[in-house]
């Protein structure tokens, strides 16, 4: 039975788990993309999305709350200075988890977790290409046969 099992404990005690998630969140903020196991990526997504939402409101209180989770001044400043303005209009879903296969040593299921608005390759392909505005013309019922010019020998 799984009573009271609200989140994945990742096989760690609470202090180790909090420190690991704080380090992974800071790395994700600084590097915009990290590679880890699928279980850790899903746990990190639950950990970091509320922090990104909190960064939309740039006040001293929200900075202190985020700092209490991340514990890295550089990560907090990058989050509020670079990431928050880019995701201001996004209502949620700031991260993407992409499965990449299995790790060679222990066959663990691996994934890449990245910030959605910072994947340049996906943003380039998602931009709609400018289509030529074409008008629909009705084909005439009478087929015109192009006149072939005859060469005259002079």
Protein backbone atom coordinates (compact mmCIF):
# COMPACT_ATOMS: atom_id res chain seq x y z
CA UNK A 1 0.00 0.00 0.00
CA UNK A 2 1.18 3.51 -0.66
CA UNK A 3 -0.46 5.48 2.11
CA UNK A 4 1.15 8.87 2.76
CA UNK A 5 3.63 8.50 -0.11
CA UNK A 6 3.04 11.85 -1.74
CA UNK A 7 6.34 12.22 -3.62
CA UNK A 8 9.37 10.20 -4.65
CA UNK A 9 11.88 10.03 -1.80
CA UNK A 10 14.62 8.99 -4.27
CA UNK A 11 16.13 6.55 -1.76
CA UNK A 12 17.59 9.35 0.38
CA UNK A 13 17.04 10.92 3.76
CA UNK A 14 15.31 14.30 3.75
CA UNK A 15 18.44 16.40 4.27
CA UNK A 16 20.31 14.68 1.45
CA UNK A 17 17.28 14.91 -0.84
CA UNK A 18 16.80 18.65 -0.18
CA UNK A 19 20.48 19.39 -0.77
CA UNK A 20 20.52 17.34 -3.97
CA UNK A 21 17.41 19.03 -5.36
CA UNK A 22 18.77 22.47 -4.44
CA UNK A 23 22.03 21.73 -6.27
CA UNK A 24 20.24 20.31 -9.29
CA UNK A 25 17.89 23.30 -9.43
CA UNK A 26 20.81 25.72 -9.27
CA UNK A 27 22.59 23.83 -12.05
CA UNK A 28 19.45 23.87 -14.17
CA UNK A 29 19.08 27.63 -13.70
CA UNK A 30 22.72 28.32 -14.50
CA UNK A 31 23.11 25.90 -17.43
CA UNK A 32 19.47 25.88 -18.69
CA UNK A 33 19.69 22.09 -19.28
CA UNK A 34 21.03 19.12 -17.30
CA UNK A 35 21.12 15.37 -17.80
CA UNK A 36 19.96 13.11 -14.97
CA UNK A 37 17.74 10.10 -14.32
CA UNK A 38 14.04 10.28 -15.13
CA UNK A 39 13.01 9.97 -11.47
CA UNK A 40 15.29 12.83 -10.40
CA UNK A 41 14.14 14.96 -13.35
CA UNK A 42 10.49 14.52 -12.39
CA UNK A 43 11.27 15.32 -8.74
CA UNK A 44 13.26 18.37 -9.83
CA UNK A 45 10.37 19.61 -11.97
CA UNK A 46 8.06 19.56 -8.93
CA UNK A 47 10.77 21.38 -6.92
CA UNK A 48 11.70 24.13 -9.37
CA UNK A 49 8.43 25.13 -11.05
CA UNK A 50 7.04 26.92 -7.94
CA UNK A 51 10.37 28.75 -7.60
CA UNK A 52 10.16 29.98 -11.20
CA UNK A 53 6.58 31.10 -10.59
CA UNK A 54 7.77 32.93 -7.46
CA UNK A 55 10.44 34.71 -9.53
CA UNK A 56 7.78 36.47 -11.62
CA UNK A 57 7.22 38.81 -8.67
CA UNK A 58 10.59 40.52 -8.15
CA UNK A 59 10.37 41.60 -4.52
CA UNK A 60 12.80 41.24 -1.66
CA UNK A 61 10.52 38.71 0.01
CA UNK A 62 10.27 36.47 -3.05
CA UNK A 63 14.06 36.65 -3.54
CA UNK A 64 14.59 35.57 0.06
CA UNK A 65 12.11 32.72 -0.25
CA UNK A 66 13.79 31.46 -3.43
CA UNK A 67 17.23 31.84 -1.84
CA UNK A 68 16.10 29.70 1.10
CA UNK A 69 15.46 26.88 -1.38
CA UNK A 70 18.41 27.33 -3.77
CA UNK A 71 21.15 28.53 -1.36
CA UNK A 72 23.22 30.03 -4.22
CA UNK A 73 23.29 33.75 -4.79
CA UNK A 74 24.35 33.44 -8.44
CA UNK A 75 21.47 31.11 -9.27
CA UNK A 76 18.95 33.44 -7.63
CA UNK A 77 20.24 36.46 -9.53
CA UNK A 78 20.19 34.58 -12.87
CA UNK A 79 16.67 33.36 -12.12
CA UNK A 80 15.32 36.84 -11.41
CA UNK A 81 17.40 38.71 -14.01
CA UNK A 82 17.37 36.40 -17.06
CA UNK A 83 14.73 33.72 -16.69
CA UNK A 84 11.82 35.61 -15.10
CA UNK A 85 11.43 38.23 -17.88
CA UNK A 86 11.37 35.51 -20.53
CA UNK A 87 8.67 33.41 -18.86
CA UNK A 88 6.52 36.30 -17.63
CA UNK A 89 3.59 35.52 -19.94
CA UNK A 90 3.79 31.72 -19.59
CA UNK A 91 1.16 30.37 -17.15
CA UNK A 92 3.18 27.31 -16.14
CA UNK A 93 5.11 24.39 -17.58
CA UNK A 94 8.52 26.02 -17.51
CA UNK A 95 10.51 22.79 -17.82
CA UNK A 96 10.61 19.92 -20.29
CA UNK A 97 11.75 16.36 -19.57
CA UNK A 98 13.09 14.45 -22.60
CA UNK A 99 13.96 10.77 -22.17
CA UNK A 100 17.32 9.88 -23.71
CA UNK A 101 17.67 6.15 -23.19
CA UNK A 102 19.50 4.03 -20.67
CA UNK A 103 22.77 4.60 -18.83
CA UNK A 104 25.49 2.14 -19.76
CA UNK A 105 26.65 1.19 -16.25
CA UNK A 106 23.40 0.35 -14.46
CA UNK A 107 20.77 0.71 -17.20
CA UNK A 108 19.07 3.58 -15.38
CA UNK A 109 16.49 5.44 -17.46
CA UNK A 110 18.13 8.79 -18.34
CA UNK A 111 16.54 12.10 -19.28
CA UNK A 112 17.40 15.69 -20.10
CA UNK A 113 15.51 18.36 -18.18
CA UNK A 114 15.60 21.83 -19.68
CA UNK A 115 13.94 25.20 -19.43
CA UNK A 116 11.39 25.48 -22.22
CA UNK A 117 12.05 29.07 -23.35
CA UNK A 118 15.82 28.57 -23.52
CA UNK A 119 16.09 25.68 -25.99
CA UNK A 120 17.26 27.54 -29.09
CA UNK A 121 16.94 24.56 -31.44
CA UNK A 122 13.29 23.97 -30.52
CA UNK A 123 12.50 27.68 -30.70
CA UNK A 124 14.00 27.93 -34.21
CA UNK A 125 11.96 25.00 -35.53
CA UNK A 126 8.76 26.17 -33.82
CA UNK A 127 8.74 29.56 -35.52
CA UNK A 128 6.15 29.61 -38.29
CA UNK A 129 7.67 30.22 -41.68
CA UNK A 130 6.29 33.16 -43.64
CA UNK A 131 3.99 31.82 -46.32
CA UNK A 132 3.37 33.61 -49.56
CA UNK A 133 -0.07 35.08 -49.74
CA UNK A 134 -1.68 33.39 -52.69
CA UNK A 135 -5.03 34.17 -54.19
CA UNK A 136 -7.25 31.47 -55.50
CA UNK A 137 -8.05 31.93 -59.11
CA UNK A 138 -10.61 30.03 -61.02
CA UNK A 139 -9.33 28.25 -64.04
CA UNK A 140 -11.03 29.35 -67.23
CA UNK A 141 -13.29 26.86 -68.90
CA UNK A 142 -11.77 27.54 -72.28
CA UNK A 143 -8.29 26.04 -72.50
CA UNK A 144 -5.98 28.34 -74.35
CA UNK A 145 -3.47 26.59 -76.53
CA UNK A 146 -0.26 28.58 -76.89
CA UNK A 147 0.39 29.50 -80.46
CA UNK A 148 3.55 28.00 -81.87
CA UNK A 149 5.47 30.42 -83.99
CA UNK A 150 6.69 29.05 -87.21
CA UNK A 151 10.14 29.92 -88.32
CA UNK A 152 10.26 31.48 -91.71
CA UNK A 153 13.30 30.88 -93.77
CA UNK A 154 14.55 34.09 -95.26
